[in-house]
C-alpha cells in the first residue's frame, strides 16, 4: 500500500506593518501656519468686504452728512454700504468730475469707527449711506459727495462747479474687497462704458461725455 505523507506546513506570510502616523512638532508648526494664514485672509481681506446696494426711497435721509453742509445742499442718497468694521477699518469715497476725457477731483472722505466708544467689540456691523448734495452758485451747480452712519471721519472738498446735464444715472452694486478703488456710481449726459474693475483713468479714456463718477475703497 502506498503511504500518504502530509505536506509540511508553510510559514505564514508576514502581515505588512501599517505605517504609524506620528504627530510631531513639525506637523504642529505646519498646522499652526496654515490656520494663521486662513485666519489672516479671513480677517484682513474677506471679512473687511462691504456690500454695496443702490439706495431707495425707504433709506433714511440724515440730518447731517459728512462731506457737505446739508443746509446748503439738496441731498439725494445714491448707495448704501454695509459690513463689519474694526477700529482700523476704513471706507473711502471720492467724487470725480470727468469732462471730455479730463478728470478733476471734487471731494473725498474716509470714514469708520470712533476709537473711544465704551463697550465696543472688536468687530461692529456698520451701515454707511452715501449721498450726493447739490447747490446752485453764481459760478454754476456744485455737487459734493457725503456719508452718514459712521462715527469717525476725515476728508477734503471743493466748490468745483460742473455743467453735467444728467440724463441718466447708473449704480453698480456688489461686494467690494480691500485693495482696489471701485467705480460704484456714475451719472452723466449719455450712457457710459463702465464696470466696477475699471479705473477712473480708463473710464475717462473710454467716455467722451460729461460725468460725475463715485468710487469706494475699503481698507
Protein backbone atom coordinates (compact mmCIF):
# COMPACT_ATOMS: atom_id res chain seq x y z
CA UNK A 1 0.00 0.00 0.00
CA UNK A 2 1.29 3.38 -0.93
CA UNK A 3 1.91 5.65 2.03
CA UNK A 4 0.40 9.14 2.07
CA UNK A 5 2.59 11.87 3.53
CA UNK A 6 1.02 15.07 4.87
CA UNK A 7 2.63 18.20 3.44
CA UNK A 8 4.68 20.15 5.89
CA UNK A 9 3.01 23.43 6.94
CA UNK A 10 4.47 26.51 5.31
CA UNK A 11 5.28 29.58 7.38
CA UNK A 12 2.59 32.24 7.07
CA UNK A 13 3.29 35.31 5.00
CA UNK A 14 4.22 38.16 7.35
CA UNK A 15 1.49 40.78 7.60
CA UNK A 16 2.82 44.07 6.30
CA UNK A 17 3.03 46.64 9.02
CA UNK A 18 0.85 49.71 8.58
CA UNK A 19 2.74 52.94 8.79
CA UNK A 20 2.14 54.65 12.06
CA UNK A 21 1.46 58.37 11.78
CA UNK A 22 3.30 60.24 14.43
CA UNK A 23 2.17 63.77 15.17
CA UNK A 24 5.24 65.78 15.92
CA UNK A 25 6.41 69.33 16.32
CA UNK A 26 6.83 69.72 12.56
CA UNK A 27 3.16 68.93 11.91
CA UNK A 28 2.09 71.24 14.72
CA UNK A 29 4.05 74.11 13.20
CA UNK A 30 2.64 73.44 9.72
CA UNK A 31 -0.91 73.27 11.07
CA UNK A 32 -0.45 76.47 13.04
CA UNK A 33 0.93 78.26 9.98
CA UNK A 34 -2.00 77.15 7.81
CA UNK A 35 -4.50 78.23 10.46
CA UNK A 36 -2.83 81.62 10.83
CA UNK A 37 -2.83 82.11 7.05
CA UNK A 38 -6.53 81.27 6.72
CA UNK A 39 -7.40 83.46 9.70
CA UNK A 40 -5.36 86.34 8.29
CA UNK A 41 -7.07 86.12 4.90
CA UNK A 42 -10.48 85.97 6.54
CA UNK A 43 -10.00 88.84 8.98
CA UNK A 44 -7.82 91.06 6.81
CA UNK A 45 -9.45 90.53 3.43
CA UNK A 46 -12.74 88.65 3.26
CA UNK A 47 -14.31 89.97 6.47
CA UNK A 48 -13.31 93.51 5.57
CA UNK A 49 -15.54 93.31 2.50
CA UNK A 50 -18.52 95.65 2.25
CA UNK A 51 -21.70 95.01 0.29
CA UNK A 52 -22.96 97.96 -1.74
CA UNK A 53 -26.52 98.36 -2.94
CA UNK A 54 -28.47 101.11 -4.63
CA UNK A 55 -30.30 103.42 -2.23
CA UNK A 56 -34.09 103.53 -2.40
CA UNK A 57 -36.87 105.68 -1.01
CA UNK A 58 -37.00 103.68 2.24
CA UNK A 59 -33.45 104.70 3.18
CA UNK A 60 -33.18 107.37 5.82
CA UNK A 61 -32.39 110.96 4.91
CA UNK A 62 -29.98 112.02 7.66
CA UNK A 63 -29.85 115.37 9.40
CA UNK A 64 -26.10 115.55 8.73
CA UNK A 65 -23.82 114.19 6.03
CA UNK A 66 -20.06 114.26 6.29
CA UNK A 67 -18.74 115.91 3.13
CA UNK A 68 -21.19 118.77 2.73
CA UNK A 69 -23.41 121.13 4.68
CA UNK A 70 -26.99 119.90 4.44
CA UNK A 71 -28.38 123.42 4.97
CA UNK A 72 -26.90 124.49 1.65
CA UNK A 73 -27.44 121.27 -0.28
CA UNK A 74 -30.31 119.33 -1.78
CA UNK A 75 -29.44 115.78 -0.77
CA UNK A 76 -30.08 112.51 -2.63
CA UNK A 77 -28.99 109.13 -1.32
CA UNK A 78 -27.31 107.04 -4.00
CA UNK A 79 -25.78 103.99 -2.27
CA UNK A 80 -25.76 102.05 0.99
CA UNK A 81 -22.63 100.13 2.11
CA UNK A 82 -22.83 97.53 4.89
CA UNK A 83 -20.09 95.44 6.50
CA UNK A 84 -18.21 94.64 9.70
CA UNK A 85 -15.58 97.15 10.80
CA UNK A 86 -12.76 97.08 13.30
CA UNK A 87 -11.44 100.37 14.63
CA UNK A 88 -8.80 100.23 11.90
CA UNK A 89 -11.22 99.51 9.03
CA UNK A 90 -11.91 102.44 6.73
CA UNK A 91 -14.25 103.17 3.84
CA UNK A 92 -13.04 105.87 1.44
CA UNK A 93 -15.29 107.65 -1.04
CA UNK A 94 -14.26 110.00 -3.85
CA UNK A 95 -16.24 112.09 -6.32
CA UNK A 96 -14.69 112.93 -9.70
CA UNK A 97 -15.80 115.22 -12.48
CA UNK A 98 -14.96 113.67 -15.85
CA UNK A 99 -15.34 116.25 -18.62
CA UNK A 100 -14.47 115.38 -22.20
CA UNK A 101 -11.86 112.84 -21.06
CA UNK A 102 -10.23 115.03 -18.40
CA UNK A 103 -10.50 114.24 -14.68
CA UNK A 104 -10.96 116.62 -11.75
CA UNK A 105 -11.22 115.54 -8.12
CA UNK A 106 -14.23 117.21 -6.50
CA UNK A 107 -14.12 115.90 -2.92
CA UNK A 108 -13.25 112.80 -0.91
CA UNK A 109 -13.56 111.38 2.59
CA UNK A 110 -12.57 108.40 4.72
CA UNK A 111 -14.95 107.16 7.42
CA UNK A 112 -15.01 104.40 10.03
CA UNK A 113 -15.48 103.76 13.74
CA UNK A 114 -14.75 106.09 16.62
CA UNK A 115 -11.82 104.93 18.79
CA UNK A 116 -13.13 105.60 22.30
CA UNK A 117 -16.68 104.27 22.46
CA UNK A 118 -17.33 102.33 25.70
CA UNK A 119 -18.43 98.70 25.27
CA UNK A 120 -17.40 98.33 21.64
CA UNK A 121 -16.37 94.88 20.43
CA UNK A 122 -13.55 94.05 18.06
CA UNK A 123 -15.95 93.90 15.12
CA UNK A 124 -19.03 96.05 14.65
CA UNK A 125 -21.60 95.98 11.88
CA UNK A 126 -21.96 99.36 10.15
CA UNK A 127 -24.36 100.76 7.59
CA UNK A 128 -22.97 103.79 5.76
CA UNK A 129 -25.24 105.77 3.47
CA UNK A 130 -23.54 107.54 0.56
CA UNK A 131 -25.22 110.62 -0.90
CA UNK A 132 -24.75 113.46 -3.34
CA UNK A 133 -25.60 117.02 -2.41
CA UNK A 134 -26.29 119.74 -5.00
CA UNK A 135 -26.44 123.50 -4.73
CA UNK A 136 -26.59 126.34 -7.23
CA UNK A 137 -23.91 129.01 -7.03
CA UNK A 138 -23.15 132.11 -9.13
CA UNK A 139 -20.48 130.02 -10.89
CA UNK A 140 -22.76 127.07 -11.58
CA UNK A 141 -24.00 123.92 -9.90
CA UNK A 142 -21.79 122.41 -7.20
CA UNK A 143 -22.09 118.73 -6.29
CA UNK A 144 -20.36 117.06 -3.34
CA UNK A 145 -20.18 113.50 -2.03
CA UNK A 146 -21.34 112.83 1.53
CA UNK A 147 -21.59 109.95 4.02
CA UNK A 148 -23.72 109.20 7.08
CA UNK A 149 -23.89 106.35 9.60
CA UNK A 150 -20.22 106.31 10.65
CA UNK A 151 -18.69 107.52 13.94
CA UNK A 152 -15.36 108.91 12.74
CA UNK A 153 -14.15 110.55 9.56
CA UNK A 154 -11.88 112.96 7.76
CA UNK A 155 -11.73 114.39 4.27
CA UNK A 156 -11.36 117.32 1.91
CA UNK A 157 -13.61 119.10 -0.53
CA UNK A 158 -14.04 121.90 -3.00
CA UNK A 159 -16.75 124.02 -4.58
CA UNK A 160 -15.82 122.93 -8.08
CA UNK A 161 -18.76 123.83 -10.35
CA UNK A 162 -19.95 121.47 -13.05
CA UNK A 163 -22.20 121.67 -16.07
CA UNK A 164 -23.10 117.99 -16.23
CA UNK A 165 -26.51 117.57 -17.85
CA UNK A 166 -27.69 114.45 -16.05
CA UNK A 167 -29.87 112.38 -18.36
CA UNK A 168 -29.16 109.04 -16.70
CA UNK A 169 -27.55 107.53 -13.61
CA UNK A 170 -26.08 104.11 -13.04
CA UNK A 171 -25.39 102.41 -9.68
CA UNK A 172 -23.18 99.34 -9.67
CA UNK A 173 -24.00 97.25 -6.59
CA UNK A 174 -21.86 94.36 -5.44
CA UNK A 175 -19.18 93.31 -2.97
CA UNK A 176 -16.08 95.43 -2.53
CA UNK A 177 -12.90 93.76 -1.28
CA UNK A 178 -9.75 95.52 0.01
CA UNK A 179 -7.01 96.51 -2.37
CA UNK A 180 -8.80 98.40 -5.14
CA UNK A 181 -10.76 101.57 -5.78
CA UNK A 182 -14.12 100.60 -7.31
CA UNK A 183 -16.39 102.73 -9.50
CA UNK A 184 -19.82 102.31 -7.90
CA UNK A 185 -21.92 105.16 -9.33
CA UNK A 186 -21.96 107.27 -12.50
CA UNK A 187 -24.33 109.97 -13.72
CA UNK A 188 -23.97 111.99 -16.90
CA UNK A 189 -25.21 113.13 -20.26
CA UNK A 190 -25.02 109.77 -22.03
CA UNK A 191 -24.81 106.05 -21.33
CA UNK A 192 -21.31 105.25 -20.02
CA UNK A 193 -18.94 102.43 -20.85
CA UNK A 194 -18.07 101.26 -17.35
CA UNK A 195 -17.57 98.33 -14.99
CA UNK A 196 -16.54 98.01 -11.36
CA UNK A 197 -12.96 96.95 -12.05
CA UNK A 198 -12.30 99.89 -14.39
CA UNK A 199 -10.08 102.70 -13.11
CA UNK A 200 -11.18 106.32 -13.36
CA UNK A 201 -8.36 106.94 -15.87
CA UNK A 202 -9.66 104.14 -18.08
CA UNK A 203 -13.21 105.45 -17.71
CA UNK A 204 -12.10 108.88 -18.90
CA UNK A 205 -10.35 107.36 -21.94
CA UNK A 206 -13.42 105.38 -22.96
CA UNK A 207 -16.08 108.05 -22.34
CA UNK A 208 -16.10 111.40 -24.08
CA UNK A 209 -19.15 112.86 -22.33
CA UNK A 210 -19.61 114.74 -19.06
CA UNK A 211 -19.99 112.66 -15.91
CA UNK A 212 -19.87 112.62 -12.13
CA UNK A 213 -18.12 109.41 -11.01
CA UNK A 214 -18.14 107.98 -7.47
CA UNK A 215 -15.59 105.44 -6.24
CA UNK A 216 -15.40 103.49 -2.99
CA UNK A 217 -12.46 101.67 -1.41
CA UNK A 218 -12.32 99.52 1.74
CA UNK A 219 -9.07 99.17 3.67
